[in-house]
Protein backbone atom coordinates (compact mmCIF):
# COMPACT_ATOMS: atom_id res chain seq x y z
CA MET A 1 -0.04 0.18 -0.48
CA LEU A 2 0.86 3.34 -1.13
CA ASP A 3 0.21 6.77 0.77
CA PRO A 4 -0.15 9.97 -0.52
CA SER A 5 3.77 10.66 -0.80
CA GLY A 6 3.87 7.72 -2.59
CA ARG A 7 5.81 6.27 0.31
CA HIS A 8 5.17 2.74 1.01
CA ILE A 9 2.84 1.91 3.98
CA TRP A 10 2.87 -1.29 6.11
CA TRP A 11 0.89 -2.88 9.05
CA HIS A 12 2.53 -6.14 9.22
CA SER A 13 5.31 -7.02 12.19
CA SER A 14 8.50 -6.41 11.10
CA ILE A 15 12.13 -5.82 11.32
CA LEU A 16 13.24 -2.68 9.90
CA ILE A 17 16.00 -2.29 8.96
CA ALA A 18 18.19 0.86 7.88
CA GLY A 19 21.01 0.06 5.26
CA ASN A 20 22.35 3.77 5.46
CA GLY A 21 23.67 6.39 7.50
CA GLU A 22 23.51 5.21 11.21
CA PHE A 23 22.94 1.33 10.36
CA ASN A 24 20.64 0.21 12.37
CA VAL A 25 18.06 -2.69 13.34
CA LYS A 26 14.52 -2.34 14.94
CA HIS A 27 11.48 -4.84 14.87
CA TYR A 28 7.56 -2.73 15.00
CA THR A 29 4.02 -3.48 14.74
CA GLY A 30 2.03 -1.07 13.08
CA LYS A 31 1.39 1.38 10.46
CA PHE A 32 5.24 3.08 9.62
CA ASN A 33 6.42 4.55 6.92
CA ALA A 34 9.02 3.12 5.16
CA TYR A 35 11.65 5.30 3.61
CA GLN A 36 14.90 5.13 0.89
CA ARG A 37 17.23 2.29 2.03
CA THR A 38 15.42 1.45 4.81
CA TYR A 39 14.42 -2.59 4.20
CA VAL A 40 11.33 -4.03 5.40
CA LEU A 41 11.32 -7.66 6.62
CA ILE A 42 8.14 -9.91 6.69
CA PRO A 43 8.86 -13.20 8.05
CA ASP A 44 7.09 -15.52 9.86
CA LEU A 45 5.85 -15.18 13.52
CA GLU A 46 7.73 -18.18 14.85
CA TYR A 47 10.86 -16.96 12.88
CA TYR A 48 10.40 -13.25 13.79
CA ALA A 49 12.98 -13.41 17.08
CA LEU A 50 15.96 -15.60 15.41
CA LEU A 51 15.26 -13.22 11.88
CA TYR A 52 15.28 -9.56 14.36
CA LEU A 53 18.64 -11.38 16.71
CA ALA A 54 19.92 -12.55 13.12
CA SER A 55 19.87 -8.53 11.30
CA MET A 56 21.53 -7.43 14.09
CA TYR A 57 24.59 -9.33 14.58
CA GLN A 58 24.68 -8.52 10.85
CA ILE A 59 24.59 -5.29 11.03
CA LYS A 60 26.89 -5.06 13.87
CA SER A 61 29.23 -6.90 11.65
CA PHE A 62 28.53 -4.14 8.72
CA LYS A 63 29.09 -1.65 11.40
CA SER A 64 31.85 -2.39 12.56
CA ALA A 65 33.57 -2.68 9.07
CA ALA A 66 32.09 -0.31 8.05
CA SER A 67 34.50 2.39 9.99
CA GLY A 68 37.26 3.94 8.13
CA SER A 69 36.29 2.51 4.52
CA ILE A 70 34.51 2.98 1.72
CA VAL A 71 30.68 0.58 3.17
CA LYS A 72 28.22 3.62 3.01
CA PHE A 73 25.46 1.78 2.61
CA ILE A 74 23.84 -2.07 2.47
CA THR A 75 22.49 -3.63 -0.33
CA LYS A 76 19.24 -6.04 -1.10
CA GLY A 77 22.25 -8.51 -1.73
CA ASP A 78 22.90 -7.90 1.41
CA ILE A 79 19.87 -8.83 3.11
CA GLU A 80 18.96 -11.27 1.16
CA ASN A 81 22.56 -12.83 2.82
CA ILE A 82 21.90 -12.48 6.13
CA PRO A 83 23.10 -16.19 7.87
CA VAL A 84 19.99 -17.19 10.01
CA PHE A 85 20.30 -20.77 11.60
CA ILE A 86 17.13 -22.59 12.25
CA PRO A 87 16.78 -24.64 15.23
CA ASP A 88 15.51 -28.27 14.94
CA ASN A 89 13.51 -27.30 17.74
CA LYS A 90 10.29 -25.07 17.87
CA ALA A 91 9.42 -25.01 20.70
CA ILE A 92 13.27 -22.53 20.77
CA LEU A 93 11.70 -20.35 18.35
CA ASN A 94 8.93 -19.35 20.77
CA LYS A 95 10.94 -19.22 23.67
CA PHE A 96 12.96 -16.76 21.17
CA ASN A 97 9.64 -14.96 20.31
CA CYS A 98 8.67 -15.06 23.65
CA LEU A 99 11.85 -12.54 25.14
CA LEU A 100 11.09 -10.53 22.28
CA ILE A 101 8.24 -9.73 23.46
CA LEU A 102 8.66 -9.07 27.40
CA GLN A 103 12.13 -7.20 26.68
CA GLU A 104 9.17 -4.90 24.32
CA GLN A 105 7.23 -4.62 26.99
CA TYR A 106 10.35 -4.03 29.17
CA GLN A 107 11.24 -0.85 27.08
CA LYS A 108 7.86 0.42 26.66
CA GLU A 109 7.71 0.67 30.71
CA SER A 110 10.48 2.03 31.37
CA ASP A 111 9.62 4.33 28.57
CA GLU A 112 6.55 5.24 30.29
CA LEU A 113 7.55 5.74 33.52
CA ALA A 114 11.39 8.28 32.27
CA SER A 115 8.29 10.22 30.73
CA ILE A 116 6.42 10.45 33.86
CA ARG A 117 9.76 11.17 36.03
CA ASP A 118 10.62 13.79 33.31
CA TRP A 119 7.21 15.60 33.75
CA LEU A 120 7.64 14.94 38.11
CA LEU A 121 11.02 16.15 38.27
CA PRO A 122 10.76 19.68 37.34
CA MET A 123 7.32 19.77 39.15
CA LEU A 124 9.48 18.32 42.34
CA MET A 125 12.75 20.71 41.90
CA ASN A 126 10.45 24.02 41.64
CA GLY A 127 8.03 22.78 44.83
CA GLN A 128 5.41 22.83 42.99
CA ALA A 129 5.15 18.65 44.41
CA ALA A 130 6.40 17.21 47.55
CA ILE A 131 7.33 13.78 48.21
CA GLU A 132 5.85 12.24 52.11
CA ASP A 133 7.02 10.13 53.75
C-alpha cells in the first residue's frame, strides 16, 4: 500500500533495517512509513525473533566493517544473505519470540516511567510537588 506521497505503508510485525547512515535494526508492529534504503523484513511469526537477532548481529558486523572504509550503504544482496540459524527444536523458536515480546514490554514500561519522571522532576525542583514520608 502507498500513501499519497508514494511511500510504502506497512501494517505487519516487521523488522526494519536502516541501510544507510547509521545502520540499525528495529522491530515494529503497526503502521509506519518506509523510506529510501530502509529494508522491511516480514518473516513468519515463528521465525520473527530469530531473524531479528540475526539481523542485529549482521548489522553489527556491517558497522564494524564500515568504520574507516568505503561501505556507505547496505544493499538488497546484503540483506538477502543474512545467515539465520534455525534450530530443529521448534519450542526454542517460541521461547525466543516470548523473550523478544518481554523485552519490548519492558522497554515500553521503561519509556513510560522515564516520561513520568521527566514530568515530575521539574515540579519537585520548583516546589509544586512534594514527596511524603
